[in-house]
Amino acid sequence: MTTQLVGDLMILALAARVFGADAILLLRRLAAVGVRAGVSEMTRHEREDGR
């Protein structure tokens, strides 16, 4: 392994460590938005069918 490759791998590991938490948070928020949209869509259909 060259020192260049070791340096690149260390930077990659650090970037994954720093941005990993943000990526997980973003995925959780996207999942929550999807659930809210799905529930909203289900309740909208229930209200339209009940009329």
C-alpha atoms as a PDB file:
ATOM      1  CA  MET A   1       0.000   0.000   0.000  1.00  0.00           C
ATOM      2  CA  THR A   2       1.340   3.370  -0.923  1.00  0.00           C
ATOM      3  CA  THR A   3       1.162   6.323   1.410  1.00  0.00           C
ATOM      4  CA  GLN A   4      -1.095   8.062  -1.140  1.00  0.00           C
ATOM      5  CA  LEU A   5      -3.593   5.195  -0.946  1.00  0.00           C
ATOM      6  CA  VAL A   6      -3.439   5.149   2.859  1.00  0.00           C
ATOM      7  CA  GLY A   7      -4.100   8.893   2.926  1.00  0.00           C
ATOM      8  CA  ASP A   8      -7.041   8.533   0.545  1.00  0.00           C
ATOM      9  CA  LEU A   9      -8.528   5.731   2.625  1.00  0.00           C
ATOM     10  CA  MET A  10      -8.153   7.776   5.819  1.00  0.00           C
ATOM     11  CA  ILE A  11      -9.919  10.741   4.218  1.00  0.00           C
ATOM     12  CA  LEU A  12     -12.656   8.430   2.949  1.00  0.00           C
ATOM     13  CA  ALA A  13     -13.112   6.913   6.423  1.00  0.00           C
ATOM     14  CA  LEU A  14     -13.271  10.357   7.993  1.00  0.00           C
ATOM     15  CA  ALA A  15     -15.804  11.588   5.429  1.00  0.00           C
ATOM     16  CA  ALA A  16     -17.971   8.506   6.001  1.00  0.00           C
ATOM     17  CA  ARG A  17     -17.789   9.105   9.742  1.00  0.00           C
ATOM     18  CA  VAL A  18     -18.711  12.793   9.444  1.00  0.00           C
ATOM     19  CA  PHE A  19     -21.422  12.532   6.804  1.00  0.00           C
ATOM     20  CA  GLY A  20     -22.721   9.105   7.817  1.00  0.00           C
ATOM     21  CA  ALA A  21     -24.847  10.494  10.658  1.00  0.00           C
ATOM     22  CA  ASP A  22     -26.278  13.167   8.371  1.00  0.00           C
ATOM     23  CA  ALA A  23     -27.135  10.580   5.727  1.00  0.00           C
ATOM     24  CA  ILE A  24     -28.946   8.419   8.284  1.00  0.00           C
ATOM     25  CA  LEU A  25     -30.850  11.443   9.586  1.00  0.00           C
ATOM     26  CA  LEU A  26     -31.826  12.411   6.042  1.00  0.00           C
ATOM     27  CA  LEU A  27     -33.051   8.882   5.282  1.00  0.00           C
ATOM     28  CA  ARG A  28     -35.120   8.848   8.483  1.00  0.00           C
ATOM     29  CA  ARG A  29     -36.706  12.185   7.590  1.00  0.00           C
ATOM     30  CA  LEU A  30     -37.479  11.012   4.061  1.00  0.00           C
ATOM     31  CA  ALA A  31     -39.083   7.864   5.464  1.00  0.00           C
ATOM     32  CA  ALA A  32     -41.190   9.951   7.845  1.00  0.00           C
ATOM     33  CA  VAL A  33     -42.348  12.181   4.991  1.00  0.00           C
ATOM     34  CA  GLY A  34     -43.281   9.111   2.977  1.00  0.00           C
ATOM     35  CA  VAL A  35     -45.295   7.684   5.860  1.00  0.00           C
ATOM     36  CA  ARG A  36     -47.114  10.981   6.398  1.00  0.00           C
ATOM     37  CA  ALA A  37     -47.907  11.216   2.694  1.00  0.00           C
ATOM     38  CA  GLY A  38     -49.189   7.645   2.651  1.00  0.00           C
ATOM     39  CA  VAL A  39     -51.396   8.164   5.696  1.00  0.00           C
ATOM     40  CA  SER A  40     -52.709  11.411   4.242  1.00  0.00           C
ATOM     41  CA  GLU A  41     -53.515   9.656   0.971  1.00  0.00           C
ATOM     42  CA  MET A  42     -55.286   6.813   2.780  1.00  0.00           C
ATOM     43  CA  THR A  43     -57.434   9.156   4.851  1.00  0.00           C
ATOM     44  CA  ARG A  44     -58.255  11.227   1.780  1.00  0.00           C
ATOM     45  CA  HIS A  45     -59.528   8.139  -0.040  1.00  0.00           C
ATOM     46  CA  GLU A  46     -61.558   7.087   3.008  1.00  0.00           C
ATOM     47  CA  ARG A  47     -63.235  10.503   3.177  1.00  0.00           C
ATOM     48  CA  GLU A  48     -64.057  10.488  -0.544  1.00  0.00           C
ATOM     49  CA  ASP A  49     -65.530   6.970  -0.368  1.00  0.00           C
ATOM     50  CA  GLY A  50     -67.630   7.861   2.662  1.00  0.00           C
ATOM     51  CA  ARG A  51     -69.449  10.709   0.915  1.00  0.00           C
END
